[in-house]
Amino acid sequence: MDTSDNFFLSRKNLVGMLIATAILVVHLVAGLGFLWPVVALAGWGAGVALTPAPRQQALPPAPERPDADELLRRLDRSTSRLYESGPASGVLDATASLRGALVQVLLEWEHLEDVPEQRVVIETIIDDYVPATIDAYLQVTDRQHPAAVPQTVDALGILEEETLRIHKAVVNDTLRELEDQTRALRLQFGRLPAPGYDTES
């Protein structure tokens, strides 16, 4: 039960009530005179005033997100295990292609600052999906197994498609910013596009 907003159940009030009860017991046993209610009230007030408030539990700091260089190091650690295992050529090619796509996104990492959910997708691909796919393939004794190779290539291809989708979005946003900047400069200096200039290309 959360008692932080309920004074009657708070630690301060409970200590004050305990002191007041103790004074009442002393009064019943020894007699404190007709001013015992004042003494009890004063004891309760002292208990409330002197009891420290419960220490607020600090929230743990948010985990620091990896930068592009760290993600590339993690990716290379995963893929190096595959390269050292003597994989099938199809798996090797698919891994190299996926790595190339991921590197392209990491080179544009700062452009994903405003869309952190896309960064999380890339982080998840590098930290979870790539290692899991490689581990599953490496568990197969025969690296050339006719079922293991196409399944692994297909899984890596799906990851590459998602990576390329994000990279395309980054490039489109960058080009859109460039187009906007170009239009602003033309308006500022009164220079209209030349005949035949396609502003949408």
N, C-alpha and C. Protein backbone atom coordinates (compact mmCIF):
# COMPACT_ATOMS: atom_id res chain seq x y z
N MET A 1 0.85 -1.19 0.00
CA MET A 1 0.00 0.00 0.00
C MET A 1 0.88 1.24 0.00
N ASP A 2 0.54 2.20 -0.86
CA ASP A 2 1.31 3.44 -0.93
C ASP A 2 0.81 4.40 0.12
N THR A 3 1.65 4.70 1.11
CA THR A 3 1.24 5.60 2.20
C THR A 3 1.91 6.96 2.09
N SER A 4 2.58 7.22 0.94
CA SER A 4 3.36 8.46 0.83
C SER A 4 2.48 9.69 0.86
N ASP A 5 1.21 9.60 0.41
CA ASP A 5 0.33 10.76 0.37
C ASP A 5 -0.72 10.72 1.47
N ASN A 6 -0.66 9.75 2.39
CA ASN A 6 -1.65 9.61 3.45
C ASN A 6 -0.96 9.90 4.78
N PHE A 7 -1.25 11.10 5.35
CA PHE A 7 -0.56 11.50 6.58
C PHE A 7 -0.90 10.58 7.74
N PHE A 8 -2.15 10.13 7.82
CA PHE A 8 -2.56 9.31 8.96
C PHE A 8 -1.82 7.98 8.99
N LEU A 9 -1.39 7.50 7.83
CA LEU A 9 -0.64 6.25 7.78
C LEU A 9 0.86 6.47 7.63
N SER A 10 1.26 7.76 7.67
CA SER A 10 2.67 8.07 7.47
C SER A 10 3.50 7.69 8.70
N ARG A 11 4.80 7.56 8.47
CA ARG A 11 5.72 7.22 9.56
C ARG A 11 5.73 8.31 10.63
N LYS A 12 5.67 9.57 10.21
CA LYS A 12 5.68 10.68 11.17
C LYS A 12 4.48 10.58 12.12
N ASN A 13 3.29 10.37 11.57
CA ASN A 13 2.09 10.31 12.40
C ASN A 13 2.11 9.08 13.31
N LEU A 14 2.60 7.95 12.78
CA LEU A 14 2.63 6.73 13.59
C LEU A 14 3.58 6.89 14.78
N VAL A 15 4.72 7.54 14.58
CA VAL A 15 5.65 7.78 15.69
C VAL A 15 5.02 8.72 16.70
N GLY A 16 4.37 9.79 16.18
CA GLY A 16 3.70 10.72 17.08
C GLY A 16 2.61 10.05 17.90
N MET A 17 1.82 9.19 17.27
CA MET A 17 0.76 8.47 17.99
C MET A 17 1.35 7.52 19.02
N LEU A 18 2.47 6.90 18.69
CA LEU A 18 3.13 5.99 19.63
C LEU A 18 3.57 6.74 20.89
N ILE A 19 4.15 7.94 20.68
CA ILE A 19 4.59 8.74 21.83
C ILE A 19 3.39 9.18 22.66
N ALA A 20 2.33 9.62 21.98
CA ALA A 20 1.12 10.06 22.70
C ALA A 20 0.51 8.91 23.48
N THR A 21 0.51 7.70 22.90
CA THR A 21 -0.03 6.53 23.60
C THR A 21 0.82 6.19 24.82
N ALA A 22 2.15 6.31 24.66
CA ALA A 22 3.03 6.05 25.79
C ALA A 22 2.77 7.04 26.93
N ILE A 23 2.53 8.30 26.59
CA ILE A 23 2.23 9.31 27.61
C ILE A 23 0.91 8.99 28.30
N LEU A 24 -0.07 8.51 27.53
CA LEU A 24 -1.36 8.14 28.11
C LEU A 24 -1.18 6.99 29.10
N VAL A 25 -0.37 6.00 28.73
CA VAL A 25 -0.13 4.87 29.63
C VAL A 25 0.55 5.35 30.92
N VAL A 26 1.54 6.24 30.76
CA VAL A 26 2.22 6.78 31.94
C VAL A 26 1.22 7.52 32.82
N HIS A 27 0.31 8.27 32.20
CA HIS A 27 -0.70 9.01 32.96
C HIS A 27 -1.61 8.05 33.73
N LEU A 28 -2.02 6.96 33.09
CA LEU A 28 -2.91 6.00 33.75
C LEU A 28 -2.20 5.29 34.90
N VAL A 29 -0.90 5.07 34.75
CA VAL A 29 -0.16 4.36 35.79
C VAL A 29 0.28 5.30 36.91
N ALA A 30 0.88 6.43 36.53
CA ALA A 30 1.46 7.30 37.54
C ALA A 30 0.69 8.59 37.76
N GLY A 31 -0.11 8.96 36.79
CA GLY A 31 -0.87 10.19 36.91
C GLY A 31 -0.02 11.41 36.58
N LEU A 32 -0.37 12.11 35.54
CA LEU A 32 0.37 13.29 35.13
C LEU A 32 -0.39 14.58 35.42
N GLY A 33 -1.52 14.44 36.07
CA GLY A 33 -2.29 15.63 36.40
C GLY A 33 -3.26 15.98 35.28
N PHE A 34 -3.97 17.08 35.47
CA PHE A 34 -5.02 17.43 34.52
C PHE A 34 -4.45 17.94 33.19
N LEU A 35 -3.16 18.22 33.14
CA LEU A 35 -2.56 18.70 31.89
C LEU A 35 -2.04 17.56 31.00
N TRP A 36 -2.39 16.31 31.35
CA TRP A 36 -1.86 15.20 30.58
C TRP A 36 -2.23 15.26 29.08
N PRO A 37 -3.44 15.78 28.73
CA PRO A 37 -3.72 15.87 27.28
C PRO A 37 -2.75 16.81 26.56
N VAL A 38 -2.36 17.89 27.24
CA VAL A 38 -1.41 18.82 26.63
C VAL A 38 -0.06 18.14 26.44
N VAL A 39 0.35 17.37 27.47
CA VAL A 39 1.62 16.64 27.37
C VAL A 39 1.56 15.62 26.25
N ALA A 40 0.43 14.91 26.14
CA ALA A 40 0.28 13.90 25.08
C ALA A 40 0.32 14.57 23.71
N LEU A 41 -0.39 15.70 23.57
CA LEU A 41 -0.40 16.42 22.30
C LEU A 41 1.00 16.93 21.94
N ALA A 42 1.71 17.42 22.96
CA ALA A 42 3.07 17.89 22.72
C ALA A 42 3.98 16.73 22.30
N GLY A 43 3.78 15.57 22.92
CA GLY A 43 4.58 14.40 22.55
C GLY A 43 4.30 13.97 21.13
N TRP A 44 3.00 14.01 20.77
CA TRP A 44 2.65 13.65 19.39
C TRP A 44 3.29 14.64 18.41
N GLY A 45 3.22 15.94 18.73
CA GLY A 45 3.81 16.95 17.85
C GLY A 45 5.31 16.79 17.71
N ALA A 46 5.96 16.46 18.84
CA ALA A 46 7.41 16.26 18.79
C ALA A 46 7.76 15.06 17.92
N GLY A 47 6.94 13.99 18.04
CA GLY A 47 7.19 12.81 17.22
C GLY A 47 7.05 13.11 15.74
N VAL A 48 6.01 13.90 15.41
CA VAL A 48 5.80 14.26 14.00
C VAL A 48 6.94 15.13 13.50
N ALA A 49 7.34 16.11 14.31
CA ALA A 49 8.35 17.07 13.87
C ALA A 49 9.74 16.46 13.77
N LEU A 50 10.07 15.54 14.67
CA LEU A 50 11.43 15.03 14.73
C LEU A 50 11.66 13.76 13.92
N THR A 51 10.58 13.13 13.47
CA THR A 51 10.74 11.90 12.68
C THR A 51 11.14 12.27 11.26
N PRO A 52 12.26 11.78 10.80
CA PRO A 52 12.69 12.14 9.43
C PRO A 52 11.77 11.53 8.39
N ALA A 53 11.60 12.25 7.31
CA ALA A 53 10.79 11.74 6.21
C ALA A 53 11.51 10.56 5.55
N PRO A 54 10.76 9.61 5.03
CA PRO A 54 11.42 8.47 4.37
C PRO A 54 12.23 8.96 3.17
N ARG A 55 13.39 8.40 3.04
CA ARG A 55 14.28 8.79 1.96
C ARG A 55 13.70 8.33 0.62
N GLN A 56 13.60 9.28 -0.31
CA GLN A 56 13.09 8.94 -1.63
C GLN A 56 14.11 8.07 -2.36
N GLN A 57 13.60 6.99 -2.93
CA GLN A 57 14.48 6.08 -3.65
C GLN A 57 14.76 6.66 -5.03
N ALA A 58 16.02 6.91 -5.29
CA ALA A 58 16.39 7.51 -6.57
C ALA A 58 16.22 6.50 -7.70
N LEU A 59 15.71 6.98 -8.82
CA LEU A 59 15.54 6.12 -9.98
C LEU A 59 16.91 5.85 -10.59
N PRO A 60 17.12 4.64 -11.04
CA PRO A 60 18.42 4.34 -11.67
C PRO A 60 18.57 5.15 -12.94
N PRO A 61 19.78 5.58 -13.26
CA PRO A 61 19.97 6.35 -14.49
C PRO A 61 19.63 5.53 -15.72
N ALA A 62 19.13 6.20 -16.73
CA ALA A 62 18.79 5.51 -17.98
C ALA A 62 20.06 4.95 -18.60
N PRO A 63 19.97 3.73 -19.14
CA PRO A 63 21.16 3.15 -19.75
C PRO A 63 21.64 3.99 -20.93
N GLU A 64 22.94 4.13 -21.04
CA GLU A 64 23.50 4.93 -22.12
C GLU A 64 23.39 4.16 -23.43
N ARG A 65 22.89 4.84 -24.45
CA ARG A 65 22.72 4.19 -25.75
C ARG A 65 24.07 4.10 -26.46
N PRO A 66 24.32 3.01 -27.16
CA PRO A 66 25.60 2.87 -27.87
C PRO A 66 25.66 3.82 -29.06
N ASP A 67 26.85 4.30 -29.38
CA ASP A 67 27.01 5.14 -30.56
C ASP A 67 27.30 4.25 -31.77
N ALA A 68 27.47 4.88 -32.93
CA ALA A 68 27.65 4.12 -34.16
C ALA A 68 28.92 3.28 -34.13
N ASP A 69 30.00 3.82 -33.56
CA ASP A 69 31.26 3.07 -33.51
C ASP A 69 31.13 1.81 -32.65
N GLU A 70 30.43 1.95 -31.51
CA GLU A 70 30.24 0.79 -30.63
C GLU A 70 29.37 -0.27 -31.32
N LEU A 71 28.33 0.17 -32.02
CA LEU A 71 27.48 -0.79 -32.72
C LEU A 71 28.25 -1.52 -33.81
N LEU A 72 29.13 -0.80 -34.51
CA LEU A 72 29.94 -1.45 -35.54
C LEU A 72 30.88 -2.48 -34.92
N ARG A 73 31.44 -2.16 -33.76
CA ARG A 73 32.31 -3.14 -33.07
C ARG A 73 31.52 -4.38 -32.68
N ARG A 74 30.30 -4.18 -32.19
CA ARG A 74 29.46 -5.33 -31.82
C ARG A 74 29.12 -6.18 -33.05
N LEU A 75 28.80 -5.50 -34.15
CA LEU A 75 28.48 -6.22 -35.38
C LEU A 75 29.68 -7.04 -35.85
N ASP A 76 30.87 -6.44 -35.80
CA ASP A 76 32.06 -7.15 -36.26
C ASP A 76 32.41 -8.33 -35.35
N ARG A 77 32.12 -8.19 -34.06
CA ARG A 77 32.37 -9.33 -33.16
C ARG A 77 31.48 -10.52 -33.55
N SER A 78 30.24 -10.23 -33.90
CA SER A 78 29.31 -11.31 -34.27
C SER A 78 29.71 -11.93 -35.60
N THR A 79 29.99 -11.09 -36.59
CA THR A 79 30.28 -11.63 -37.92
C THR A 79 31.64 -12.32 -37.98
N SER A 80 32.59 -11.88 -37.15
CA SER A 80 33.91 -12.52 -37.18
C SER A 80 33.81 -13.98 -36.77
N ARG A 81 32.90 -14.29 -35.87
CA ARG A 81 32.72 -15.71 -35.47
C ARG A 81 32.25 -16.53 -36.66
N LEU A 82 31.39 -15.92 -37.48
CA LEU A 82 30.90 -16.62 -38.66
C LEU A 82 32.02 -16.81 -39.67
N TYR A 83 32.78 -15.75 -39.94
CA TYR A 83 33.86 -15.85 -40.92
C TYR A 83 34.87 -16.92 -40.53
N GLU A 84 35.15 -17.04 -39.24
CA GLU A 84 36.14 -18.00 -38.77
C GLU A 84 35.65 -19.45 -38.84
N SER A 85 34.35 -19.64 -39.03
CA SER A 85 33.79 -21.00 -39.00
C SER A 85 33.77 -21.68 -40.36
N GLY A 86 34.17 -20.96 -41.40
CA GLY A 86 34.11 -21.54 -42.74
C GLY A 86 32.70 -21.72 -43.24
N PRO A 87 31.93 -20.64 -43.35
CA PRO A 87 30.53 -20.77 -43.76
C PRO A 87 30.39 -21.04 -45.26
N ALA A 88 29.19 -21.43 -45.65
CA ALA A 88 28.89 -21.59 -47.07
C ALA A 88 28.98 -20.23 -47.75
N SER A 89 29.30 -20.24 -49.02
CA SER A 89 29.51 -19.00 -49.75
C SER A 89 28.24 -18.13 -49.76
N GLY A 90 27.07 -18.77 -49.83
CA GLY A 90 25.82 -18.01 -49.82
C GLY A 90 25.62 -17.28 -48.51
N VAL A 91 25.93 -17.94 -47.41
CA VAL A 91 25.81 -17.31 -46.08
C VAL A 91 26.84 -16.20 -45.95
N LEU A 92 28.03 -16.43 -46.44
CA LEU A 92 29.08 -15.42 -46.38
C LEU A 92 28.68 -14.17 -47.16
N ASP A 93 28.14 -14.38 -48.36
CA ASP A 93 27.72 -13.24 -49.20
C ASP A 93 26.57 -12.48 -48.54
N ALA A 94 25.61 -13.21 -47.99
CA ALA A 94 24.45 -12.56 -47.35
C ALA A 94 24.88 -11.77 -46.12
N THR A 95 25.83 -12.32 -45.38
CA THR A 95 26.33 -11.62 -44.20
C THR A 95 27.07 -10.34 -44.59
N ALA A 96 27.90 -10.44 -45.62
CA ALA A 96 28.64 -9.27 -46.09
C ALA A 96 27.68 -8.19 -46.61
N SER A 97 26.64 -8.62 -47.30
CA SER A 97 25.66 -7.66 -47.83
C SER A 97 24.91 -6.97 -46.70
N LEU A 98 24.51 -7.74 -45.69
CA LEU A 98 23.82 -7.16 -44.54
C LEU A 98 24.75 -6.20 -43.81
N ARG A 99 26.00 -6.59 -43.62
CA ARG A 99 26.94 -5.71 -42.94
C ARG A 99 27.10 -4.40 -43.69
N GLY A 100 27.19 -4.49 -45.01
CA GLY A 100 27.32 -3.28 -45.81
C GLY A 100 26.13 -2.34 -45.63
N ALA A 101 24.92 -2.92 -45.59
CA ALA A 101 23.72 -2.09 -45.40
C ALA A 101 23.72 -1.45 -44.02
N LEU A 102 24.11 -2.22 -43.00
CA LEU A 102 24.15 -1.68 -41.64
C LEU A 102 25.20 -0.58 -41.52
N VAL A 103 26.34 -0.75 -42.16
CA VAL A 103 27.38 0.28 -42.12
C VAL A 103 26.86 1.58 -42.74
N GLN A 104 26.09 1.46 -43.83
CA GLN A 104 25.53 2.66 -44.47
C GLN A 104 24.62 3.42 -43.51
N VAL A 105 23.82 2.69 -42.73
CA VAL A 105 22.96 3.35 -41.76
C VAL A 105 23.79 3.96 -40.64
N LEU A 106 24.80 3.24 -40.17
CA LEU A 106 25.63 3.76 -39.08
C LEU A 106 26.38 5.01 -39.50
N LEU A 107 26.72 5.13 -40.78
CA LEU A 107 27.38 6.33 -41.27
C LEU A 107 26.44 7.54 -41.23
N GLU A 108 25.13 7.27 -41.23
CA GLU A 108 24.13 8.35 -41.18
C GLU A 108 23.48 8.42 -39.79
N TRP A 109 24.17 7.89 -38.78
CA TRP A 109 23.57 7.71 -37.45
C TRP A 109 23.01 9.00 -36.87
N GLU A 110 23.71 10.12 -37.08
CA GLU A 110 23.26 11.38 -36.49
C GLU A 110 21.91 11.81 -37.07
N HIS A 111 21.60 11.37 -38.28
CA HIS A 111 20.32 11.75 -38.89
C HIS A 111 19.15 10.99 -38.27
N LEU A 112 19.44 9.95 -37.50
CA LEU A 112 18.38 9.19 -36.83
C LEU A 112 18.14 9.68 -35.41
N GLU A 113 18.79 10.77 -35.04
CA GLU A 113 18.66 11.27 -33.66
C GLU A 113 17.23 11.64 -33.33
N ASP A 114 16.50 12.16 -34.32
CA ASP A 114 15.11 12.59 -34.08
C ASP A 114 14.11 11.45 -34.20
N VAL A 115 14.56 10.28 -34.61
CA VAL A 115 13.67 9.12 -34.70
C VAL A 115 14.30 7.96 -33.93
N PRO A 116 14.31 8.06 -32.60
CA PRO A 116 15.00 7.04 -31.80
C PRO A 116 14.45 5.63 -31.99
N GLU A 117 13.18 5.52 -32.39
CA GLU A 117 12.62 4.18 -32.58
C GLU A 117 13.34 3.46 -33.73
N GLN A 118 13.81 4.20 -34.74
CA GLN A 118 14.56 3.58 -35.82
C GLN A 118 15.94 3.16 -35.35
N ARG A 119 16.52 3.96 -34.46
CA ARG A 119 17.81 3.56 -33.87
C ARG A 119 17.65 2.26 -33.09
N VAL A 120 16.54 2.13 -32.38
CA VAL A 120 16.31 0.92 -31.60
C VAL A 120 16.21 -0.29 -32.52
N VAL A 121 15.58 -0.12 -33.69
CA VAL A 121 15.48 -1.22 -34.64
C VAL A 121 16.87 -1.67 -35.07
N ILE A 122 17.72 -0.70 -35.42
CA ILE A 122 19.08 -1.05 -35.85
C ILE A 122 19.86 -1.69 -34.71
N GLU A 123 19.74 -1.14 -33.51
CA GLU A 123 20.41 -1.72 -32.35
C GLU A 123 19.96 -3.16 -32.13
N THR A 124 18.66 -3.39 -32.27
CA THR A 124 18.12 -4.74 -32.06
C THR A 124 18.63 -5.71 -33.12
N ILE A 125 18.69 -5.25 -34.36
CA ILE A 125 19.23 -6.10 -35.43
C ILE A 125 20.67 -6.50 -35.11
N ILE A 126 21.48 -5.51 -34.70
CA ILE A 126 22.90 -5.77 -34.44
C ILE A 126 23.11 -6.59 -33.16
N ASP A 127 22.36 -6.24 -32.11
CA ASP A 127 22.60 -6.87 -30.80
C ASP A 127 21.89 -8.21 -30.63
N ASP A 128 20.76 -8.39 -31.32
CA ASP A 128 19.95 -9.59 -31.09
C ASP A 128 19.82 -10.49 -32.32
N TYR A 129 19.30 -9.92 -33.41
CA TYR A 129 18.96 -10.76 -34.56
C TYR A 129 20.18 -11.32 -35.29
N VAL A 130 21.18 -10.48 -35.50
CA VAL A 130 22.38 -10.98 -36.19
C VAL A 130 23.07 -12.08 -35.36
N PRO A 131 23.35 -11.84 -34.06
CA PRO A 131 23.98 -12.92 -33.28
C PRO A 131 23.12 -14.18 -33.22
N ALA A 132 21.80 -14.01 -33.07
CA ALA A 132 20.92 -15.19 -32.98
C ALA A 132 20.92 -15.98 -34.28
N THR A 133 20.90 -15.29 -35.41
CA THR A 133 20.92 -15.97 -36.71
C THR A 133 22.24 -16.69 -36.92
N ILE A 134 23.33 -16.03 -36.57
CA ILE A 134 24.65 -16.66 -36.72
C ILE A 134 24.78 -17.86 -35.78
N ASP A 135 24.32 -17.71 -34.53
CA ASP A 135 24.39 -18.82 -33.58
C ASP A 135 23.60 -20.03 -34.09
N ALA A 136 22.41 -19.77 -34.61
CA ALA A 136 21.59 -20.88 -35.12
C ALA A 136 22.31 -21.59 -36.26
N TYR A 137 22.95 -20.83 -37.13
CA TYR A 137 23.67 -21.45 -38.25
C TYR A 137 24.89 -22.22 -37.76
N LEU A 138 25.61 -21.65 -36.79
CA LEU A 138 26.83 -22.31 -36.32
C LEU A 138 26.54 -23.59 -35.53
N GLN A 139 25.30 -23.74 -35.07
CA GLN A 139 24.94 -24.98 -34.36
C GLN A 139 24.78 -26.16 -35.31
N VAL A 140 24.67 -25.87 -36.60
CA VAL A 140 24.56 -26.94 -37.59
C VAL A 140 25.97 -27.45 -37.90
N THR A 141 26.16 -28.73 -37.76
CA THR A 141 27.49 -29.31 -37.97
C THR A 141 27.96 -29.15 -39.40
N ASP A 142 27.05 -29.43 -40.35
CA ASP A 142 27.40 -29.33 -41.77
C ASP A 142 27.09 -27.91 -42.24
N ARG A 143 28.13 -27.09 -42.43
CA ARG A 143 27.95 -25.69 -42.84
C ARG A 143 27.34 -25.57 -44.23
N GLN A 144 27.38 -26.68 -45.02
CA GLN A 144 26.83 -26.65 -46.38
C GLN A 144 25.47 -27.34 -46.44
N HIS A 145 24.85 -27.59 -45.31
CA HIS A 145 23.58 -28.33 -45.28
C HIS A 145 22.56 -27.65 -46.19
N PRO A 146 21.88 -28.42 -47.06
CA PRO A 146 20.96 -27.84 -48.04
C PRO A 146 19.76 -27.13 -47.43
N ALA A 147 19.46 -27.41 -46.18
CA ALA A 147 18.36 -26.69 -45.53
C ALA A 147 18.86 -25.50 -44.74
N ALA A 148 20.02 -25.65 -44.09
CA ALA A 148 20.54 -24.59 -43.23
C ALA A 148 20.96 -23.36 -44.02
N VAL A 149 21.57 -23.57 -45.17
CA VAL A 149 22.09 -22.43 -45.94
C VAL A 149 20.98 -21.51 -46.43
N PRO A 150 19.96 -22.03 -47.15
CA PRO A 150 18.92 -21.11 -47.63
C PRO A 150 18.12 -20.45 -46.50
N GLN A 151 17.91 -21.17 -45.41
CA GLN A 151 17.18 -20.57 -44.28
C GLN A 151 17.98 -19.42 -43.66
N THR A 152 19.28 -19.62 -43.54
CA THR A 152 20.12 -18.56 -42.98
C THR A 152 20.20 -17.37 -43.92
N VAL A 153 20.35 -17.66 -45.22
CA VAL A 153 20.41 -16.58 -46.21
C VAL A 153 19.10 -15.80 -46.20
N ASP A 154 17.98 -16.51 -46.09
CA ASP A 154 16.68 -15.84 -46.07
C ASP A 154 16.55 -14.94 -44.84
N ALA A 155 16.97 -15.44 -43.66
CA ALA A 155 16.88 -14.65 -42.43
C ALA A 155 17.75 -13.39 -42.53
N LEU A 156 18.97 -13.55 -43.04
CA LEU A 156 19.85 -12.39 -43.20
C LEU A 156 19.29 -11.41 -44.22
N GLY A 157 18.62 -11.95 -45.25
CA GLY A 157 18.02 -11.09 -46.26
C GLY A 157 16.89 -10.24 -45.70
N ILE A 158 16.09 -10.82 -44.81
CA ILE A 158 15.01 -10.07 -44.17
C ILE A 158 15.58 -8.92 -43.35
N LEU A 159 16.65 -9.20 -42.61
CA LEU A 159 17.29 -8.15 -41.82
C LEU A 159 17.87 -7.06 -42.73
N GLU A 160 18.42 -7.46 -43.86
CA GLU A 160 18.97 -6.47 -44.79
C GLU A 160 17.86 -5.60 -45.38
N GLU A 161 16.72 -6.21 -45.71
CA GLU A 161 15.60 -5.44 -46.26
C GLU A 161 15.15 -4.36 -45.28
N GLU A 162 15.05 -4.71 -44.00
CA GLU A 162 14.64 -3.73 -42.99
C GLU A 162 15.69 -2.64 -42.85
N THR A 163 16.95 -3.04 -42.90
CA THR A 163 18.03 -2.05 -42.80
C THR A 163 18.01 -1.10 -43.98
N LEU A 164 17.81 -1.63 -45.18
CA LEU A 164 17.76 -0.79 -46.38
C LEU A 164 16.56 0.15 -46.36
N ARG A 165 15.45 -0.32 -45.78
CA ARG A 165 14.27 0.53 -45.67
C ARG A 165 14.59 1.75 -44.81
N ILE A 166 15.27 1.52 -43.68
CA ILE A 166 15.63 2.63 -42.80
C ILE A 166 16.64 3.54 -43.49
N HIS A 167 17.62 2.95 -44.18
CA HIS A 167 18.61 3.78 -44.87
C HIS A 167 17.96 4.64 -45.95
N LYS A 168 17.01 4.07 -46.67
CA LYS A 168 16.30 4.83 -47.71
C LYS A 168 15.56 6.01 -47.09
N ALA A 169 14.93 5.78 -45.94
CA ALA A 169 14.21 6.86 -45.26
C ALA A 169 15.17 7.96 -44.82
N VAL A 170 16.35 7.56 -44.34
CA VAL A 170 17.34 8.55 -43.92
C VAL A 170 17.80 9.37 -45.12
N VAL A 171 18.10 8.71 -46.23
CA VAL A 171 18.57 9.41 -47.42
C VAL A 171 17.49 10.35 -47.95
N ASN A 172 16.25 9.88 -47.98
CA ASN A 172 15.16 10.72 -48.48
C ASN A 172 14.99 11.96 -47.62
N ASP A 173 15.09 11.79 -46.30
CA ASP A 173 14.99 12.95 -45.41
C ASP A 173 16.14 13.92 -45.65
N THR A 174 17.34 13.38 -45.85
CA THR A 174 18.50 14.23 -46.09
C THR A 174 18.34 14.99 -47.40
N LEU A 175 17.87 14.30 -48.45
CA LEU A 175 17.65 14.97 -49.73
C LEU A 175 16.57 16.02 -49.62
N ARG A 176 15.54 15.72 -48.82
CA ARG A 176 14.45 16.69 -48.65
C ARG A 176 14.99 17.95 -47.97
N GLU A 177 15.85 17.77 -46.97
CA GLU A 177 16.45 18.93 -46.31
C GLU A 177 17.31 19.73 -47.30
N LEU A 178 18.04 19.03 -48.17
CA LEU A 178 18.88 19.70 -49.15
C LEU A 178 18.02 20.48 -50.14
N GLU A 179 16.92 19.87 -50.58
CA GLU A 179 16.02 20.56 -51.50
C GLU A 179 15.43 21.81 -50.85
N ASP A 180 15.03 21.68 -49.58
CA ASP A 180 14.45 22.84 -48.87
C ASP A 180 15.48 23.96 -48.75
N GLN A 181 16.73 23.58 -48.44
CA GLN A 181 17.79 24.58 -48.32
C GLN A 181 18.04 25.27 -49.65
N THR A 182 18.02 24.49 -50.74
CA THR A 182 18.24 25.06 -52.07
C THR A 182 17.13 26.04 -52.43
N ARG A 183 15.88 25.66 -52.15
CA ARG A 183 14.76 26.55 -52.42
C ARG A 183 14.87 27.83 -51.61
N ALA A 184 15.26 27.70 -50.33
CA ALA A 184 15.39 28.89 -49.47
C ALA A 184 16.46 29.84 -50.00
N LEU A 185 17.58 29.28 -50.48
CA LEU A 185 18.64 30.13 -51.03
C LEU A 185 18.17 30.84 -52.29
N ARG A 186 17.43 30.13 -53.14
CA ARG A 186 16.94 30.76 -54.37
C ARG A 186 15.98 31.90 -54.04
N LEU A 187 15.10 31.67 -53.06
CA LEU A 187 14.16 32.72 -52.68
C LEU A 187 14.90 33.91 -52.07
N GLN A 188 15.91 33.61 -51.27
CA GLN A 188 16.64 34.68 -50.60
C GLN A 188 17.38 35.57 -51.61
N PHE A 189 17.98 34.94 -52.62
CA PHE A 189 18.78 35.70 -53.57
C PHE A 189 18.04 35.98 -54.88
N GLY A 190 16.74 35.63 -54.91
CA GLY A 190 15.92 35.94 -56.07
C GLY A 190 16.31 35.21 -57.33
N ARG A 191 16.83 34.01 -57.16
CA ARG A 191 17.23 33.23 -58.33
C ARG A 191 16.28 32.07 -58.50
N LEU A 192 15.48 32.12 -59.56
CA LEU A 192 14.50 31.07 -59.83
C LEU A 192 15.19 29.91 -60.55
N PRO A 193 14.60 28.72 -60.46
CA PRO A 193 15.18 27.58 -61.17
C PRO A 193 15.25 27.85 -62.66
N ALA A 194 16.26 27.33 -63.30
CA ALA A 194 16.39 27.47 -64.74
C ALA A 194 15.30 26.68 -65.44
N PRO A 195 14.91 27.07 -66.67
CA PRO A 195 13.89 26.31 -67.40
C PRO A 195 14.25 24.85 -67.48
N GLY A 196 13.27 24.02 -67.21
CA GLY A 196 13.49 22.57 -67.28
C GLY A 196 14.03 21.97 -66.01
N TYR A 197 14.29 22.82 -64.97
CA TYR A 197 14.81 22.30 -63.69
C TYR A 197 13.70 21.58 -62.96
N ASP A 198 13.94 20.35 -62.60
CA ASP A 198 12.94 19.52 -61.92
C ASP A 198 13.19 19.58 -60.43
N THR A 199 12.34 20.29 -59.68
CA THR A 199 12.54 20.42 -58.23
C THR A 199 12.19 19.17 -57.49
N GLU A 200 11.52 18.22 -58.14
CA GLU A 200 11.11 16.99 -57.45
C GLU A 200 12.11 15.88 -57.66
N SER A 201 13.10 16.07 -58.53
CA SER A 201 14.06 14.99 -58.80
C SER A 201 15.08 14.89 -57.70
